[in-house]
């Protein structure tokens, strides 16, 4: 199918649904030359457990492949460690394995073949003398101000910035050269790192790459959906009961569209998935369906997101209706992934090593009181702090720490 597409059609598919594109002319030039496929990479740092928001980049990876793009998935293990110790070094290699399983299974659940995808672990090249020397060369050009600014939306911010967080943006910029890509894809929260790369890579004699940015899916309590905040997201391994509970507690004020994480999920995840399946099967999809009881108006479906938003804004569709439909659709999305997980004992063992629990029981989150909000989740501010135990887990020498990273390409 991709061979029959014109350069303009490929570009339209590659950029569809993105919030911003930097360097679009570079991409067009490669597509129009038609001498080789466009090369692109998407990276993810294996920190907290992956969530449903990952369906947004998964859909785009599927569209890139359909447009004959060579796609590399970077499992950024060292980045995970450098981001304010979000991932203790002892757990990073296990989380790399966990993320690899999740990404592959999510794509396969959407009907996307992973055969043409290249999976690379960051430490397979980031520990080489050449990469280390380039890191030092870059450090000789980058100011503290620019390093802080670049990581402001991505690296966890603390009162006294760690040197590790200042290295993070530069290493992500260098990844573009070492992965041999023409473009990097990521969330719009990566924009400052992308512009940082465009400014500083030429100082090392490396070319400026294009950057593609998808919108961020708001969390269930508003704000960014984060792998490190269990209250803001739905884990891909959450069971149906947990999904229903989380959606039920989500902020979802009647008639309010802005800041509505439940509605945003439908827009940024469900409808793109419907479109992907429609393209793959060649058949028109029914759209977003709500199995509403007859006493409340009966079942209803929406073929476009715009129609759904209009119904919600006019309050002809209630928060209860919306949450019911989203709960059912999320459980449908997660079912094949969870079936793979249940059938794969090795994956379960990896999960236990990647996200160990204390004394056999997970630590309970302290609930904050709802200070007067009329809607569930409306007044909650979610913040995850690193415990002293987690900080201690990272101890030891640099040699010991690096030795525990899984070096090698997957």
Protein backbone atom coordinates (compact mmCIF):
# COMPACT_ATOMS: atom_id res chain seq x y z
CA UNK A 1 0.00 0.00 0.00
CA UNK A 2 2.83 2.41 0.90
CA UNK A 3 4.48 1.88 -2.54
CA UNK A 4 1.33 3.24 -4.22
CA UNK A 5 1.29 6.41 -2.14
CA UNK A 6 2.62 9.67 -3.55
CA UNK A 7 5.12 11.78 -1.55
CA UNK A 8 2.31 14.21 -0.69
CA UNK A 9 0.08 11.37 0.52
CA UNK A 10 2.90 9.99 2.65
CA UNK A 11 3.58 13.41 4.17
CA UNK A 12 -0.11 13.89 4.94
CA UNK A 13 -0.26 10.51 6.70
CA UNK A 14 3.01 11.09 8.58
CA UNK A 15 1.86 14.46 9.93
CA UNK A 16 -1.83 13.70 10.45
CA UNK A 17 -3.08 14.40 13.97
CA UNK A 18 0.18 15.97 15.12
CA UNK A 19 0.17 19.16 17.14
CA UNK A 20 3.32 20.58 15.59
CA UNK A 21 5.97 19.79 12.96
CA UNK A 22 9.44 21.37 12.90
CA UNK A 23 11.46 20.84 9.72
CA UNK A 24 8.61 19.69 7.50
CA UNK A 25 10.53 20.75 4.38
CA UNK A 26 13.33 18.34 5.26
CA UNK A 27 10.84 15.48 5.43
CA UNK A 28 9.21 16.49 2.13
CA UNK A 29 12.59 16.64 0.40
CA UNK A 30 13.45 13.07 1.41
CA UNK A 31 10.01 11.78 0.39
CA UNK A 32 10.11 13.57 -2.98
CA UNK A 33 13.65 12.34 -3.77
CA UNK A 34 12.32 8.79 -3.26
CA UNK A 35 15.87 7.42 -2.99
CA UNK A 36 15.40 5.80 0.41
CA UNK A 37 12.80 5.61 3.18
CA UNK A 38 12.49 8.38 5.76
CA UNK A 39 14.20 7.31 9.01
CA UNK A 40 12.55 8.24 12.30
CA UNK A 41 12.94 7.36 15.96
CA UNK A 42 10.65 7.46 18.97
CA UNK A 43 12.12 7.08 22.44
CA UNK A 44 10.62 6.17 25.77
CA UNK A 45 12.32 6.12 29.17
CA UNK A 46 11.28 3.02 31.17
CA UNK A 47 10.27 4.62 34.47
CA UNK A 48 6.72 4.03 35.82
CA UNK A 49 4.37 1.43 34.37
CA UNK A 50 3.11 2.35 30.87
CA UNK A 51 -0.43 3.73 30.58
CA UNK A 52 -3.21 4.02 28.02
CA UNK A 53 -1.83 7.32 26.78
CA UNK A 54 0.80 5.22 24.98
CA UNK A 55 -1.86 4.35 22.43
CA UNK A 56 -1.36 7.87 20.98
CA UNK A 57 2.25 7.26 19.84
CA UNK A 58 1.42 3.65 18.96
CA UNK A 59 -1.18 4.81 16.42
CA UNK A 60 1.35 7.22 14.93
CA UNK A 61 4.02 4.50 14.73
CA UNK A 62 1.49 2.44 12.80
CA UNK A 63 0.87 5.33 10.41
CA UNK A 64 4.60 5.92 9.96
CA UNK A 65 5.06 2.28 8.99
CA UNK A 66 2.14 2.51 6.56
CA UNK A 67 3.91 5.49 4.95
CA UNK A 68 7.03 3.31 4.48
CA UNK A 69 9.02 5.05 7.22
CA UNK A 70 11.88 3.15 8.87
CA UNK A 71 11.00 3.36 12.57
CA UNK A 72 13.36 2.84 15.51
CA UNK A 73 11.99 2.47 19.04
CA UNK A 74 14.55 3.59 21.61
CA UNK A 75 14.23 2.09 25.09
CA UNK A 76 16.14 4.81 26.91
CA UNK A 77 17.43 3.00 29.98
CA UNK A 78 20.15 5.47 30.94
CA UNK A 79 17.75 8.38 30.47
CA UNK A 80 15.35 6.70 32.91
CA UNK A 81 18.11 6.59 35.52
CA UNK A 82 19.23 10.19 34.88
CA UNK A 83 15.73 11.65 35.31
CA UNK A 84 16.08 12.45 39.02
CA UNK A 85 16.48 8.75 39.87
CA UNK A 86 12.91 7.90 38.84
CA UNK A 87 14.16 4.42 37.96
CA UNK A 88 16.69 2.92 40.42
CA UNK A 89 19.62 1.47 38.53
CA UNK A 90 18.92 -2.04 39.86
CA UNK A 91 15.48 -1.99 38.21
CA UNK A 92 16.24 -0.27 34.91
CA UNK A 93 17.21 -3.37 32.93
CA UNK A 94 14.03 -5.15 34.04
CA UNK A 95 11.90 -2.15 33.14
CA UNK A 96 13.49 -2.11 29.68
CA UNK A 97 12.26 -5.68 29.20
CA UNK A 98 8.83 -4.78 30.56
CA UNK A 99 8.46 -1.75 28.27
CA UNK A 100 9.62 -3.77 25.28
CA UNK A 101 6.87 -6.33 25.89
CA UNK A 102 4.24 -3.63 26.39
CA UNK A 103 5.13 -1.67 23.25
CA UNK A 104 5.22 -4.76 21.05
CA UNK A 105 1.95 -6.10 22.45
CA UNK A 106 0.14 -2.75 22.18
CA UNK A 107 1.11 -2.49 18.52
CA UNK A 108 0.14 -6.08 17.78
CA UNK A 109 -3.21 -5.56 19.54
CA UNK A 110 -3.86 -2.77 17.01
CA UNK A 111 -3.05 -5.12 14.14
CA UNK A 112 0.41 -3.63 13.51
CA UNK A 113 3.30 -5.93 12.60
CA UNK A 114 6.46 -5.26 14.63
CA UNK A 115 8.73 -7.09 12.18
CA UNK A 116 9.89 -3.88 10.50
CA UNK A 117 10.43 -2.03 13.77
CA UNK A 118 13.95 -1.72 15.14
CA UNK A 119 14.18 -1.84 18.94
CA UNK A 120 17.35 -0.38 20.46
CA UNK A 121 18.37 -0.12 24.12
CA UNK A 122 20.09 3.19 24.89
CA UNK A 123 23.01 1.70 26.82
CA UNK A 124 23.98 -0.38 23.76
CA UNK A 125 25.67 2.73 22.31
CA UNK A 126 25.49 5.41 25.03
CA UNK A 127 28.33 3.76 26.97
CA UNK A 128 30.74 3.75 24.02
CA UNK A 129 33.87 5.98 24.03
CA UNK A 130 32.58 7.86 20.98
CA UNK A 131 29.24 8.75 22.55
CA UNK A 132 30.90 9.72 25.83
CA UNK A 133 33.32 12.01 24.01
CA UNK A 134 30.44 13.67 22.16
CA UNK A 135 28.66 14.19 25.47
CA UNK A 136 31.73 16.04 26.77
CA UNK A 137 32.05 18.01 23.52
CA UNK A 138 28.43 19.06 23.80
CA UNK A 139 28.91 20.02 27.45
CA UNK A 140 31.60 22.45 26.33
CA UNK A 141 29.00 24.37 24.29
CA UNK A 142 25.80 24.14 26.34
CA UNK A 143 25.03 26.66 29.07
CA UNK A 144 23.42 25.68 32.37
CA UNK A 145 20.47 27.94 31.49
CA UNK A 146 19.83 26.19 28.17
CA UNK A 147 20.16 22.70 29.69
CA UNK A 148 17.65 23.54 32.44
CA UNK A 149 15.26 25.17 30.00
CA UNK A 150 15.39 22.21 27.60
CA UNK A 151 14.49 19.68 30.28
CA UNK A 152 11.90 21.79 32.06
CA UNK A 153 8.86 19.90 30.69
CA UNK A 154 10.40 16.43 30.72
CA UNK A 155 12.94 16.01 33.52
CA UNK A 156 11.53 16.08 37.04
CA UNK A 157 12.28 19.50 38.51
CA UNK A 158 13.73 19.90 42.00
CA UNK A 159 14.93 22.95 43.96
CA UNK A 160 18.57 22.04 43.50
CA UNK A 161 19.00 20.64 40.00
CA UNK A 162 21.06 17.46 39.69
CA UNK A 163 23.79 17.31 37.06
CA UNK A 164 22.12 14.18 35.67
CA UNK A 165 19.04 16.18 34.68
CA UNK A 166 21.23 18.72 32.88
CA UNK A 167 22.88 15.93 30.84
CA UNK A 168 19.52 14.47 29.80
CA UNK A 169 18.61 16.94 26.97
CA UNK A 170 22.06 16.74 25.40
CA UNK A 171 22.02 12.97 25.34
CA UNK A 172 18.57 12.94 23.75
CA UNK A 173 19.90 15.29 21.07
CA UNK A 174 22.91 13.02 20.44
CA UNK A 175 20.60 10.03 20.06
CA UNK A 176 19.42 11.50 16.75
CA UNK A 177 22.93 11.19 15.30
CA UNK A 178 23.75 7.79 16.79
CA UNK A 179 20.45 6.27 15.67
CA UNK A 180 20.96 7.64 12.16
CA UNK A 181 17.53 9.24 11.90
CA UNK A 182 16.10 12.06 9.80
CA UNK A 183 13.42 12.95 12.33
CA UNK A 184 12.52 12.42 15.96
CA UNK A 185 8.96 11.87 17.13
CA UNK A 186 7.60 12.62 20.60
CA UNK A 187 5.03 14.46 22.65
CA UNK A 188 4.69 18.22 22.47
CA UNK A 189 6.17 18.29 25.99
CA UNK A 190 9.48 17.44 24.27
CA UNK A 191 9.48 20.66 22.22
CA UNK A 192 12.18 22.43 24.22
CA UNK A 193 14.50 19.43 23.89
CA UNK A 194 13.79 19.33 20.15
CA UNK A 195 14.67 23.02 19.66
CA UNK A 196 17.72 22.47 21.89
CA UNK A 197 18.85 19.72 19.50
CA UNK A 198 18.29 21.95 16.47
CA UNK A 199 20.47 24.64 18.05
CA UNK A 200 23.33 22.55 19.37
CA UNK A 201 23.76 19.53 17.07
CA UNK A 202 25.30 21.67 14.29
CA UNK A 203 27.95 22.88 16.78
CA UNK A 204 29.32 19.31 16.74
CA UNK A 205 29.17 19.14 12.95
CA UNK A 206 25.97 17.06 12.93
CA UNK A 207 22.93 17.87 10.83
CA UNK A 208 19.73 19.37 12.14
CA UNK A 209 16.84 16.88 12.25
CA UNK A 210 13.09 17.35 11.80
CA UNK A 211 10.79 16.96 14.81
CA UNK A 212 7.24 15.66 14.97
CA UNK A 213 5.06 16.26 18.04
CA UNK A 214 1.79 14.64 19.03
CA UNK A 215 -0.60 16.22 21.57
CA UNK A 216 -0.39 15.13 25.20
CA UNK A 217 -3.32 13.25 26.73
CA UNK A 218 -4.49 15.00 29.93
CA UNK A 219 -4.55 12.92 33.09
CA UNK A 220 -7.78 11.83 34.73
CA UNK A 221 -7.41 14.61 37.30
CA UNK A 222 -6.26 17.17 34.73
CA UNK A 223 -2.66 17.96 33.84
CA UNK A 224 -0.28 15.62 32.03
CA UNK A 225 -0.91 11.86 32.09
CA UNK A 226 2.25 10.42 33.64
CA UNK A 227 3.70 6.92 34.01
CA UNK A 228 5.05 8.00 37.39
CA UNK A 229 1.66 9.11 38.76
CA UNK A 230 -0.73 6.15 39.21
CA UNK A 231 -3.63 8.49 39.99
CA UNK A 232 -3.44 10.32 36.67
CA UNK A 233 -3.54 7.35 34.34
CA UNK A 234 -4.89 3.91 33.53
CA UNK A 235 -2.23 1.24 33.52
CA UNK A 236 -2.34 -1.08 30.50
CA UNK A 237 -2.60 -3.98 32.98
CA UNK A 238 -5.38 -2.47 35.11
CA UNK A 239 -8.32 -4.88 35.35
CA UNK A 240 -11.87 -3.94 34.37
CA UNK A 241 -12.88 -3.14 37.94
CA UNK A 242 -9.92 -0.81 38.42
CA UNK A 243 -10.59 0.92 35.10
CA UNK A 244 -14.21 1.53 36.09
CA UNK A 245 -13.15 2.90 39.47
CA UNK A 246 -10.53 5.27 38.01
CA UNK A 247 -12.83 6.57 35.29
CA UNK A 248 -15.63 6.98 37.83
CA UNK A 249 -13.39 9.17 40.01
CA UNK A 250 -12.06 11.25 37.12
CA UNK A 251 -12.71 14.98 36.86
CA UNK A 252 -15.57 15.39 34.37
CA UNK A 253 -17.73 18.47 34.98
CA UNK A 254 -21.07 18.63 33.08
CA UNK A 255 -20.79 20.56 29.81
CA UNK A 256 -17.11 21.43 30.33
CA UNK A 257 -14.82 20.44 27.49
CA UNK A 258 -11.57 22.17 28.43
CA UNK A 259 -9.44 20.22 30.89
CA UNK A 260 -11.74 17.21 30.67
CA UNK A 261 -9.37 14.22 30.74
CA UNK A 262 -12.10 11.70 29.91
CA UNK A 263 -13.23 13.58 26.81
CA UNK A 264 -9.61 14.18 25.79
CA UNK A 265 -8.96 10.44 25.96
CA UNK A 266 -11.75 9.81 23.47
CA UNK A 267 -10.34 12.46 21.13
CA UNK A 268 -6.66 11.52 21.32
CA UNK A 269 -6.86 7.75 21.75
CA UNK A 270 -10.18 6.17 20.81
CA UNK A 271 -11.00 7.98 17.56
CA UNK A 272 -7.44 7.61 16.19
CA UNK A 273 -7.67 3.88 16.99
CA UNK A 274 -11.00 3.67 15.15
CA UNK A 275 -9.41 5.40 12.13
CA UNK A 276 -6.42 3.03 12.18
CA UNK A 277 -8.64 -0.03 12.26
CA UNK A 278 -10.79 1.36 9.48
CA UNK A 279 -7.70 1.86 7.30
CA UNK A 280 -6.43 -1.64 8.05
CA UNK A 281 -9.74 -3.43 7.40
CA UNK A 282 -11.07 -1.17 4.66
CA UNK A 283 -14.39 -1.12 6.49
CA UNK A 284 -16.08 1.85 8.14
CA UNK A 285 -16.04 1.73 11.94
CA UNK A 286 -19.13 2.42 14.05
CA UNK A 287 -17.40 5.06 16.17
CA UNK A 288 -17.79 5.75 19.88
CA UNK A 289 -20.64 3.68 21.31
CA UNK A 290 -22.38 4.14 24.67
CA UNK A 291 -24.56 1.29 25.86
CA UNK A 292 -26.96 3.56 27.74
CA UNK A 293 -30.00 2.07 29.55
CA UNK A 294 -33.39 2.67 27.92
CA UNK A 295 -34.65 4.75 30.84
CA UNK A 296 -31.82 7.23 30.15
CA UNK A 297 -32.37 7.45 26.41
CA UNK A 298 -31.05 4.11 25.18
CA UNK A 299 -27.80 3.26 23.37
CA UNK A 300 -26.15 6.05 21.38
CA UNK A 301 -23.12 6.27 19.08
CA UNK A 302 -20.99 9.06 17.59
CA UNK A 303 -19.18 8.67 14.27
CA UNK A 304 -17.02 11.76 14.85
CA UNK A 305 -15.39 13.31 17.87
CA UNK A 306 -16.88 16.70 16.97
CA UNK A 307 -20.40 15.29 17.30
CA UNK A 308 -19.53 13.81 20.70
CA UNK A 309 -18.04 17.05 21.97
CA UNK A 310 -21.07 19.03 20.80
CA UNK A 311 -23.44 16.65 22.61
CA UNK A 312 -21.39 16.87 25.80
CA UNK A 313 -21.05 20.66 25.67
CA UNK A 314 -24.82 21.01 25.25
CA UNK A 315 -25.27 18.60 28.19
CA UNK A 316 -27.47 16.28 26.16
CA UNK A 317 -24.78 13.76 27.09
CA UNK A 318 -24.04 13.45 30.81
CA UNK A 319 -20.73 12.72 32.56
CA UNK A 320 -22.18 9.34 33.58
CA UNK A 321 -22.94 8.51 29.94
CA UNK A 322 -19.46 9.55 28.81
CA UNK A 323 -17.68 7.65 31.58
CA UNK A 324 -19.71 4.52 30.91
CA UNK A 325 -18.76 4.50 27.23
CA UNK A 326 -15.09 5.26 27.88
CA UNK A 327 -14.86 2.52 30.52
CA UNK A 328 -16.22 -0.08 28.09
CA UNK A 329 -13.94 1.04 25.25
CA UNK A 330 -10.80 1.08 27.38
CA UNK A 331 -11.51 -2.42 28.63
CA UNK A 332 -11.91 -3.59 25.02
CA UNK A 333 -8.56 -2.02 24.12
CA UNK A 334 -6.78 -3.57 27.08
CA UNK A 335 -8.30 -7.05 26.89
CA UNK A 336 -5.95 -8.52 24.22
CA UNK A 337 -2.89 -7.02 25.93
CA UNK A 338 -3.88 -8.49 29.26
CA UNK A 339 -4.63 -11.88 27.69
CA UNK A 340 -1.06 -11.92 26.34
CA UNK A 341 0.23 -11.00 29.79
CA UNK A 342 -1.75 -13.70 31.61
CA UNK A 343 -0.52 -16.33 29.15
CA UNK A 344 3.13 -15.25 29.41
CA UNK A 345 4.73 -16.37 32.68
CA UNK A 346 8.06 -14.83 31.71
CA UNK A 347 6.43 -11.42 31.26
CA UNK A 348 4.83 -11.75 34.70
CA UNK A 349 8.20 -12.53 36.25
CA UNK A 350 9.72 -9.52 34.48
CA UNK A 351 6.93 -7.34 35.92
CA UNK A 352 7.69 -8.55 39.44
CA UNK A 353 11.38 -7.73 39.04
CA UNK A 354 10.72 -4.38 37.33
CA UNK A 355 8.15 -3.14 39.85
CA UNK A 356 8.77 -5.01 43.12
CA UNK A 357 6.44 -4.47 46.06
CA UNK A 358 7.42 -4.20 49.70
CA UNK A 359 6.63 -7.24 51.83
CA UNK A 360 4.53 -8.73 49.06
CA UNK A 361 2.03 -5.87 49.19
CA UNK A 362 2.03 -2.67 47.22
CA UNK A 363 2.30 0.51 49.25
CA UNK A 364 -1.03 2.27 49.54
CA UNK A 365 -1.27 5.81 48.25
CA UNK A 366 -2.39 8.39 50.78
CA UNK A 367 -5.67 9.89 49.69
CA UNK A 368 -6.03 13.64 49.73
CA UNK A 369 -9.33 15.04 50.87
CA UNK A 370 -11.61 16.59 48.28
CA UNK A 371 -11.73 20.20 49.44
CA UNK A 372 -15.18 21.17 48.29
CA UNK A 373 -15.09 20.18 44.61
CA UNK A 374 -18.52 19.18 43.35
CA UNK A 375 -17.09 16.65 40.93
CA UNK A 376 -14.95 13.57 41.66
CA UNK A 377 -11.31 14.42 41.18
CA UNK A 378 -12.04 18.11 40.74
CA UNK A 379 -9.96 19.36 43.64
CA UNK A 380 -7.18 16.80 43.72
CA UNK A 381 -3.58 17.73 43.05
CA UNK A 382 -1.48 14.68 42.27
CA UNK A 383 2.22 14.68 43.08
CA UNK A 384 4.61 11.78 43.39
CA UNK A 385 7.61 12.17 45.67
CA UNK A 386 10.61 9.89 45.69
CA UNK A 387 10.97 7.96 48.95
CA UNK A 388 14.18 7.74 50.94
CA UNK A 389 14.22 3.99 50.25
CA UNK A 390 14.16 4.61 46.48
CA UNK A 391 16.99 7.11 46.79
CA UNK A 392 19.08 4.61 48.77
CA UNK A 393 18.51 1.92 46.12
CA UNK A 394 20.66 3.88 43.69
CA UNK A 395 23.78 3.78 45.86
CA UNK A 396 27.13 2.31 44.91
CA UNK A 397 29.91 3.40 42.60
CA UNK A 398 29.50 4.53 39.01
CA UNK A 399 31.15 1.29 37.88
CA UNK A 400 28.64 -0.77 39.85
CA UNK A 401 25.74 1.24 38.51
CA UNK A 402 26.78 1.03 34.87
CA UNK A 403 27.55 -2.64 35.25
CA UNK A 404 23.93 -3.31 36.13
CA UNK A 405 22.61 -1.79 32.92
CA UNK A 406 21.74 -4.30 30.25
CA UNK A 407 24.11 -3.51 27.42
CA UNK A 408 23.15 -4.77 23.99
CA UNK A 409 20.75 -4.13 21.19
CA UNK A 410 17.32 -5.74 21.23
